[in-house]
């Protein structure tokens, strides 16, 4: 009990220094947590991919379409439970900064994604309205969409103004479900395309295939691609996770840079903390010599420095973790659909705790060793 009281009093002996050190710790560990959350958000869609879903796209690139007639041939392959298709729309809502994913889908698409939860009534309304659309809960909150609202988009891939009616707002089966997407009828898109751009009609961007068993995924992939080999639109079939990671790989250098910056922040604050503890140890050389003269061991002296460092690190770490959650919520509000799911994960919290412990230990290592080796006579000479 006496030892803990000594550490506590020593830690707050220089209140300004302690306050500045804690402030630096909080800023650094909060920044580390937010940067790690950005990385986690980047991989969210890949991590949430189903183990029984395959994606088939054009073998050249995703921007090249495929005939809608491929669906029946894919559905006939043994082990395929269901097939749906979709088209990336890529339009703008009011102004370029208001970007969110939009997909023209067939009637079976939402059945293959049980993580998108739409009420039965809203699903019926969507199916009955050829201009109907379903938007995610996050989109509804960010842009104020309500059921029955008209939603006008300015087309880029498909030029012109496109007006839809919000018939459904979907929620997520889990907290990690992407709630920033919009879905509307592919039939409506194809109908308009036939009138405006006839050559682009009856084309889709990708197929979603649900396999009956996960162990059949590799075989089904090979059979699909073999079936359309040497056709005018050869295919590439891969797991949903591989498909999502393909997008992440395009920005892999950014992800690596964010990781490096997050750990650099921790390294810098560790250096600052070490300097603080070194200053503390130098100022108290006489006190440590006095303790040794009274019979306290070198280990006790080192333990006081280590305890002080760990106390500051734990206080800073606890405050940082507490602040990370509300700051992540605010960050998510201002990023729109850039990060559909931006939540602090348990792994990130554990990393923040680990960083606090490591900072506390390493910052005290050299000052504690130096204080433990102080000779009583030399230490007493420094008094005054």
Protein backbone atom coordinates (compact mmCIF):
# COMPACT_ATOMS: atom_id res chain seq x y z
CA UNK A 1 0.00 0.00 0.00
CA UNK A 2 2.86 2.36 0.90
CA UNK A 3 4.58 1.53 -2.38
CA UNK A 4 1.45 2.44 -4.41
CA UNK A 5 1.04 5.69 -2.49
CA UNK A 6 4.67 6.58 -3.21
CA UNK A 7 4.22 5.94 -6.94
CA UNK A 8 1.03 7.99 -7.05
CA UNK A 9 2.60 10.99 -5.31
CA UNK A 10 5.72 10.83 -7.47
CA UNK A 11 3.65 10.67 -10.64
CA UNK A 12 1.88 13.95 -9.89
CA UNK A 13 4.75 15.78 -8.24
CA UNK A 14 5.24 17.88 -11.39
CA UNK A 15 1.66 18.42 -12.41
CA UNK A 16 2.32 20.34 -15.64
CA UNK A 17 4.84 17.78 -16.89
CA UNK A 18 2.50 14.93 -16.02
CA UNK A 19 -0.46 16.63 -17.70
CA UNK A 20 1.51 17.27 -20.90
CA UNK A 21 2.82 13.71 -20.97
CA UNK A 22 -0.67 12.29 -20.49
CA UNK A 23 -2.02 14.60 -23.21
CA UNK A 24 0.66 13.37 -25.61
CA UNK A 25 -0.13 9.75 -24.76
CA UNK A 26 -3.84 10.26 -25.29
CA UNK A 27 -3.38 11.97 -28.67
CA UNK A 28 -0.95 9.30 -29.87
CA UNK A 29 -2.95 6.25 -28.79
CA UNK A 30 -6.24 7.73 -30.04
CA UNK A 31 -4.60 8.45 -33.40
CA UNK A 32 -3.24 4.90 -33.46
CA UNK A 33 -6.70 3.47 -32.73
CA UNK A 34 -8.41 5.55 -35.42
CA UNK A 35 -5.78 4.68 -38.03
CA UNK A 36 -6.10 0.99 -37.21
CA UNK A 37 -9.89 1.32 -37.50
CA UNK A 38 -9.43 2.84 -40.98
CA UNK A 39 -7.42 -0.24 -42.00
CA UNK A 40 -10.07 -2.56 -40.53
CA UNK A 41 -12.81 -0.65 -42.39
CA UNK A 42 -10.85 -1.00 -45.62
CA UNK A 43 -11.00 -4.79 -45.34
CA UNK A 44 -14.55 -4.97 -43.95
CA UNK A 45 -16.35 -6.16 -47.09
CA UNK A 46 -13.72 -8.83 -47.73
CA UNK A 47 -13.90 -10.07 -44.14
CA UNK A 48 -17.71 -10.24 -44.29
CA UNK A 49 -17.76 -12.22 -47.54
CA UNK A 50 -19.82 -15.41 -47.60
CA UNK A 51 -18.09 -18.79 -47.76
CA UNK A 52 -20.56 -20.06 -50.37
CA UNK A 53 -20.80 -17.11 -52.77
CA UNK A 54 -18.89 -16.79 -56.03
CA UNK A 55 -18.58 -13.77 -58.30
CA UNK A 56 -18.30 -14.16 -62.08
CA UNK A 57 -17.13 -11.18 -64.12
CA UNK A 58 -15.60 -10.52 -67.51
CA UNK A 59 -12.11 -12.01 -67.67
CA UNK A 60 -10.64 -8.82 -69.16
CA UNK A 61 -11.94 -6.38 -66.57
CA UNK A 62 -14.97 -5.61 -64.48
CA UNK A 63 -15.77 -2.65 -66.74
CA UNK A 64 -16.53 -4.99 -69.65
CA UNK A 65 -20.07 -6.47 -69.55
CA UNK A 66 -21.35 -9.99 -70.14
CA UNK A 67 -24.57 -11.21 -71.80
CA UNK A 68 -27.52 -11.75 -69.49
CA UNK A 69 -28.06 -15.08 -71.28
CA UNK A 70 -25.16 -16.63 -69.35
CA UNK A 71 -27.43 -16.97 -66.32
CA UNK A 72 -29.26 -20.10 -67.48
CA UNK A 73 -26.03 -21.86 -68.40
CA UNK A 74 -24.49 -21.08 -65.02
CA UNK A 75 -27.62 -22.20 -63.17
CA UNK A 76 -27.47 -25.58 -64.95
CA UNK A 77 -24.05 -26.41 -63.45
CA UNK A 78 -24.19 -29.09 -60.76
CA UNK A 79 -23.82 -27.67 -57.26
CA UNK A 80 -25.15 -24.19 -58.09
CA UNK A 81 -28.05 -23.34 -55.80
CA UNK A 82 -28.95 -19.88 -57.15
CA UNK A 83 -27.71 -17.23 -59.57
CA UNK A 84 -28.34 -13.48 -59.62
CA UNK A 85 -26.82 -10.63 -61.57
CA UNK A 86 -26.18 -6.93 -61.15
CA UNK A 87 -24.77 -3.89 -62.87
CA UNK A 88 -22.70 -1.08 -61.40
CA UNK A 89 -24.52 2.20 -62.05
CA UNK A 90 -22.06 4.84 -60.86
CA UNK A 91 -24.30 7.92 -60.84
CA UNK A 92 -24.04 11.10 -58.79
CA UNK A 93 -26.53 12.41 -56.25
CA UNK A 94 -26.81 16.22 -56.57
CA UNK A 95 -23.02 16.82 -56.57
CA UNK A 96 -19.88 14.69 -57.06
CA UNK A 97 -19.01 14.52 -53.36
CA UNK A 98 -22.30 12.70 -52.66
CA UNK A 99 -21.08 9.40 -54.03
CA UNK A 100 -22.40 6.03 -52.89
CA UNK A 101 -22.55 2.57 -54.54
CA UNK A 102 -25.58 1.93 -56.74
CA UNK A 103 -26.43 -1.41 -58.32
CA UNK A 104 -29.10 -2.41 -60.83
CA UNK A 105 -30.14 -5.87 -59.65
CA UNK A 106 -32.43 -8.69 -60.71
CA UNK A 107 -35.26 -10.04 -58.54
CA UNK A 108 -33.13 -12.82 -57.01
CA UNK A 109 -30.21 -10.64 -55.92
CA UNK A 110 -31.37 -9.70 -52.41
CA UNK A 111 -32.22 -13.36 -51.70
CA UNK A 112 -28.53 -14.19 -52.05
CA UNK A 113 -27.57 -11.54 -49.49
CA UNK A 114 -29.44 -12.35 -46.26
CA UNK A 115 -27.26 -9.80 -44.46
CA UNK A 116 -29.38 -7.08 -46.12
CA UNK A 117 -32.56 -7.09 -44.02
CA UNK A 118 -35.65 -5.59 -45.68
CA UNK A 119 -39.14 -5.91 -44.22
CA UNK A 120 -41.64 -7.98 -46.21
CA UNK A 121 -43.90 -4.99 -46.80
CA UNK A 122 -41.07 -2.85 -48.14
CA UNK A 123 -39.81 -5.72 -50.26
CA UNK A 124 -43.27 -6.06 -51.87
CA UNK A 125 -43.46 -2.32 -52.51
CA UNK A 126 -40.04 -2.43 -54.14
CA UNK A 127 -40.97 -5.33 -56.39
CA UNK A 128 -44.21 -3.67 -57.55
CA UNK A 129 -42.62 -0.34 -58.50
CA UNK A 130 -40.42 -0.49 -61.61
CA UNK A 131 -38.75 2.76 -60.49
CA UNK A 132 -38.50 1.63 -56.89
CA UNK A 133 -35.21 1.41 -55.03
CA UNK A 134 -33.88 0.16 -51.70
CA UNK A 135 -31.27 2.16 -49.78
CA UNK A 136 -29.16 1.34 -46.76
CA UNK A 137 -29.93 2.76 -43.32
CA UNK A 138 -26.72 4.80 -43.31
CA UNK A 139 -27.61 6.44 -46.62
CA UNK A 140 -31.06 7.25 -45.28
CA UNK A 141 -29.55 8.91 -42.21
CA UNK A 142 -26.83 10.83 -44.09
CA UNK A 143 -29.04 12.18 -46.89
CA UNK A 144 -32.41 12.16 -45.14
CA UNK A 145 -34.07 9.61 -47.43
CA UNK A 146 -37.52 8.47 -46.33
CA UNK A 147 -39.93 5.92 -47.74
CA UNK A 148 -41.79 7.40 -50.71
CA UNK A 149 -39.14 10.05 -51.46
CA UNK A 150 -38.06 10.68 -55.03
CA UNK A 151 -34.34 10.16 -55.53
CA UNK A 152 -32.81 11.70 -58.66
CA UNK A 153 -29.36 10.64 -59.84
CA UNK A 154 -27.22 12.09 -62.61
CA UNK A 155 -25.86 9.24 -64.70
CA UNK A 156 -22.21 8.96 -65.68
CA UNK A 157 -21.90 5.47 -67.17
CA UNK A 158 -25.51 5.77 -68.32
CA UNK A 159 -25.94 9.52 -69.03
CA UNK A 160 -29.08 11.43 -68.21
CA UNK A 161 -31.22 12.02 -65.14
CA UNK A 162 -32.67 8.96 -63.47
CA UNK A 163 -35.47 9.27 -60.95
CA UNK A 164 -36.25 6.54 -58.42
CA UNK A 165 -38.69 6.16 -55.54
CA UNK A 166 -37.43 4.97 -52.16
CA UNK A 167 -39.51 1.86 -51.44
CA UNK A 168 -37.33 0.21 -48.85
CA UNK A 169 -34.60 0.92 -46.29
CA UNK A 170 -32.49 -2.08 -45.39
CA UNK A 171 -30.74 -2.77 -42.11
CA UNK A 172 -27.89 -5.13 -41.42
CA UNK A 173 -27.95 -8.61 -39.98
CA UNK A 174 -24.81 -7.58 -38.06
CA UNK A 175 -23.05 -4.36 -37.12
CA UNK A 176 -20.49 -4.95 -39.87
CA UNK A 177 -23.03 -5.00 -42.71
CA UNK A 178 -22.52 -2.31 -45.36
CA UNK A 179 -25.50 0.05 -45.06
CA UNK A 180 -24.39 2.58 -47.68
CA UNK A 181 -25.60 0.95 -50.91
CA UNK A 182 -28.57 1.53 -53.19
CA UNK A 183 -30.36 -1.14 -55.25
CA UNK A 184 -32.87 -0.72 -58.06
CA UNK A 185 -34.37 -2.88 -60.81
CA UNK A 186 -32.08 -4.02 -63.62
CA UNK A 187 -35.17 -4.43 -65.81
CA UNK A 188 -35.82 -0.69 -65.55
CA UNK A 189 -32.22 0.10 -66.48
CA UNK A 190 -32.28 -2.34 -69.40
CA UNK A 191 -35.60 -0.96 -70.65
CA UNK A 192 -34.23 2.59 -70.83
CA UNK A 193 -30.91 1.41 -72.28
CA UNK A 194 -32.79 -0.33 -75.13
CA UNK A 195 -34.35 3.00 -76.01
CA UNK A 196 -31.22 5.15 -75.69
CA UNK A 197 -28.25 2.86 -76.29
CA UNK A 198 -29.53 -0.26 -78.01
CA UNK A 199 -26.13 -1.92 -78.34
CA UNK A 200 -25.64 -1.86 -74.58
CA UNK A 201 -28.89 -3.65 -73.82
CA UNK A 202 -29.15 -7.12 -72.25
CA UNK A 203 -25.70 -6.77 -70.69
CA UNK A 204 -24.78 -7.15 -67.03
CA UNK A 205 -21.68 -6.40 -64.97
CA UNK A 206 -21.30 -9.50 -62.81
CA UNK A 207 -23.05 -12.64 -61.64
CA UNK A 208 -23.43 -13.75 -58.02
CA UNK A 209 -23.52 -17.53 -57.62
CA UNK A 210 -24.52 -19.35 -54.47
CA UNK A 211 -23.02 -22.81 -54.15
CA UNK A 212 -24.87 -25.56 -52.34
CA UNK A 213 -21.68 -26.59 -50.52
CA UNK A 214 -18.48 -24.66 -49.82
CA UNK A 215 -16.35 -27.61 -50.94
CA UNK A 216 -17.83 -27.32 -54.46
CA UNK A 217 -16.65 -23.74 -54.95
CA UNK A 218 -13.39 -24.56 -56.76
CA UNK A 219 -15.04 -27.05 -59.12
CA UNK A 220 -17.91 -24.68 -59.95
CA UNK A 221 -15.47 -21.86 -60.67
CA UNK A 222 -13.53 -24.00 -63.13
CA UNK A 223 -16.69 -25.25 -64.84
CA UNK A 224 -18.11 -21.75 -65.31
CA UNK A 225 -14.93 -20.36 -66.81
CA UNK A 226 -14.44 -23.44 -69.01
CA UNK A 227 -17.96 -23.14 -70.36
CA UNK A 228 -17.39 -19.61 -71.66
CA UNK A 229 -13.80 -20.06 -72.81
CA UNK A 230 -13.17 -18.69 -76.31
CA UNK A 231 -16.53 -16.87 -76.27
CA UNK A 232 -16.93 -13.18 -77.03
CA UNK A 233 -17.04 -12.53 -73.27
CA UNK A 234 -14.79 -14.95 -71.39
CA UNK A 235 -15.32 -15.08 -67.64
CA UNK A 236 -13.31 -15.05 -64.44
CA UNK A 237 -14.96 -16.68 -61.44
CA UNK A 238 -13.60 -16.22 -57.91
CA UNK A 239 -14.80 -16.31 -54.34
CA UNK A 240 -16.56 -13.24 -53.03
CA UNK A 241 -13.66 -12.59 -50.67
CA UNK A 242 -11.11 -12.72 -53.49
CA UNK A 243 -13.33 -10.39 -55.52
CA UNK A 244 -13.45 -7.85 -52.68
CA UNK A 245 -9.71 -8.14 -52.00
CA UNK A 246 -9.14 -7.30 -55.66
CA UNK A 247 -10.49 -3.82 -54.96
CA UNK A 248 -8.40 -3.50 -51.79
CA UNK A 249 -5.23 -4.48 -53.69
CA UNK A 250 -5.68 -1.43 -55.93
CA UNK A 251 -5.02 0.76 -52.89
CA UNK A 252 -2.68 -1.56 -51.00
CA UNK A 253 0.09 1.05 -50.85
CA UNK A 254 -2.28 3.44 -49.04
CA UNK A 255 -3.15 0.75 -46.49
CA UNK A 256 0.55 0.01 -45.89
CA UNK A 257 1.26 3.73 -45.45
CA UNK A 258 -1.54 4.08 -42.89
CA UNK A 259 -0.19 1.11 -40.92
CA UNK A 260 3.33 2.58 -40.92
CA UNK A 261 2.10 5.98 -39.80
CA UNK A 262 0.09 4.44 -36.95
CA UNK A 263 3.16 2.66 -35.56
CA UNK A 264 5.37 5.70 -36.16
CA UNK A 265 3.04 7.72 -33.93
CA UNK A 266 3.49 5.17 -31.15
CA UNK A 267 7.28 5.20 -31.58
CA UNK A 268 7.37 8.99 -31.29
CA UNK A 269 5.29 9.11 -28.12
CA UNK A 270 7.41 6.31 -26.66
CA UNK A 271 10.49 8.50 -27.20
CA UNK A 272 8.72 11.44 -25.54
CA UNK A 273 7.69 9.27 -22.59
CA UNK A 274 11.23 7.90 -22.23
CA UNK A 275 12.58 11.45 -22.13
CA UNK A 276 10.08 12.36 -19.41
CA UNK A 277 11.09 9.39 -17.28
CA UNK A 278 14.80 10.12 -17.84
CA UNK A 279 14.30 13.71 -16.64
CA UNK A 280 12.42 12.41 -13.60
CA UNK A 281 15.18 9.93 -12.75
CA UNK A 282 17.93 12.57 -13.07
CA UNK A 283 16.10 14.97 -10.76
CA UNK A 284 15.73 12.33 -8.04
CA UNK A 285 19.22 10.85 -7.93
CA UNK A 286 19.67 12.15 -4.39
CA UNK A 287 16.36 10.66 -3.29
CA UNK A 288 17.27 7.26 -4.70
CA UNK A 289 20.63 7.39 -2.91
CA UNK A 290 18.84 8.24 0.34
CA UNK A 291 16.49 5.27 -0.09
CA UNK A 292 19.46 2.97 -0.61
CA UNK A 293 21.18 4.43 2.47
CA UNK A 294 18.05 3.62 4.47
CA UNK A 295 18.26 0.02 3.35
CA UNK A 296 15.95 -0.12 0.33
CA UNK A 297 17.23 -2.35 -2.44
CA UNK A 298 18.18 -1.36 -5.98
CA UNK A 299 15.16 -3.35 -7.18
CA UNK A 300 12.84 -1.19 -5.08
CA UNK A 301 14.32 1.97 -6.56
CA UNK A 302 13.91 0.63 -10.10
CA UNK A 303 10.38 -0.50 -9.30
CA UNK A 304 9.35 3.04 -8.28
CA UNK A 305 10.37 4.38 -11.70
CA UNK A 306 8.77 1.47 -13.54
CA UNK A 307 5.58 1.83 -11.48
CA UNK A 308 5.38 5.56 -12.19
CA UNK A 309 5.86 4.98 -15.92
CA UNK A 310 3.25 2.20 -16.02
CA UNK A 311 0.75 4.31 -14.05
CA UNK A 312 1.04 7.18 -16.54
CA UNK A 313 0.83 4.77 -19.47
CA UNK A 314 -2.27 3.05 -18.07
CA UNK A 315 -4.02 6.33 -17.32
CA UNK A 316 -3.23 7.61 -20.80
CA UNK A 317 -4.26 4.30 -22.39
CA UNK A 318 -7.58 4.17 -20.53
CA UNK A 319 -8.45 7.76 -21.47
CA UNK A 320 -7.44 7.07 -25.08
CA UNK A 321 -9.67 4.02 -25.41
CA UNK A 322 -12.58 5.89 -23.86
CA UNK A 323 -12.15 8.74 -26.36
CA UNK A 324 -11.63 6.51 -29.41
CA UNK A 325 -15.23 5.29 -29.54
CA UNK A 326 -17.03 8.69 -29.68
CA UNK A 327 -14.38 10.07 -32.05
CA UNK A 328 -14.87 7.07 -34.35
CA UNK A 329 -18.61 7.77 -34.42
CA UNK A 330 -17.99 11.42 -35.36
CA UNK A 331 -15.44 10.40 -37.98
CA UNK A 332 -17.92 7.98 -39.51
CA UNK A 333 -20.57 10.71 -39.76
CA UNK A 334 -18.26 12.94 -41.78
CA UNK A 335 -16.94 10.30 -44.18
CA UNK A 336 -20.28 9.44 -45.78
CA UNK A 337 -20.03 6.22 -47.77
CA UNK A 338 -16.22 6.25 -47.97
CA UNK A 339 -16.13 3.86 -45.02
CA UNK A 340 -19.51 2.09 -44.94
CA UNK A 341 -18.63 0.38 -41.67
CA UNK A 342 -16.37 2.31 -39.31
CA UNK A 343 -16.38 0.69 -35.88
CA UNK A 344 -13.66 0.21 -33.33
CA UNK A 345 -13.03 -3.53 -33.13
CA UNK A 346 -11.98 -5.49 -30.02
CA UNK A 347 -8.67 -6.20 -31.77
CA UNK A 348 -8.00 -2.47 -32.07
CA UNK A 349 -8.73 -1.96 -28.37
CA UNK A 350 -6.34 -4.79 -27.52
CA UNK A 351 -3.65 -3.20 -29.69
CA UNK A 352 -4.16 0.12 -27.89
CA UNK A 353 -3.78 -1.64 -24.52
CA UNK A 354 -0.64 -3.40 -25.76
CA UNK A 355 0.81 -0.10 -26.97
CA UNK A 356 0.19 1.52 -23.60
CA UNK A 357 1.91 -1.35 -21.77
CA UNK A 358 4.88 -1.39 -24.16
CA UNK A 359 5.30 2.40 -23.91
CA UNK A 360 5.23 2.22 -20.11
CA UNK A 361 7.78 -0.59 -19.96
CA UNK A 362 10.26 0.64 -22.56
CA UNK A 363 10.12 4.27 -21.42
CA UNK A 364 11.16 3.25 -17.91
CA UNK A 365 13.75 0.64 -18.87
CA UNK A 366 16.90 2.79 -19.10
CA UNK A 367 15.98 5.33 -16.35
CA UNK A 368 15.19 2.46 -13.93
CA UNK A 369 18.47 0.71 -14.75
CA UNK A 370 20.41 3.93 -14.24
CA UNK A 371 18.69 4.68 -10.92
CA UNK A 372 19.28 1.13 -9.66
CA UNK A 373 23.04 1.48 -10.35
CA UNK A 374 23.43 4.82 -8.54
CA UNK A 375 26.05 4.68 -5.79
CA UNK A 376 25.00 6.05 -2.45
CA UNK A 377 27.98 8.42 -2.05
CA UNK A 378 27.67 9.85 -5.60
CA UNK A 379 23.92 10.21 -5.21
CA UNK A 380 24.17 12.04 -1.88
CA UNK A 381 26.67 14.47 -3.38
CA UNK A 382 24.02 15.60 -5.88
CA UNK A 383 21.70 16.83 -3.10
CA UNK A 384 21.53 20.57 -3.12
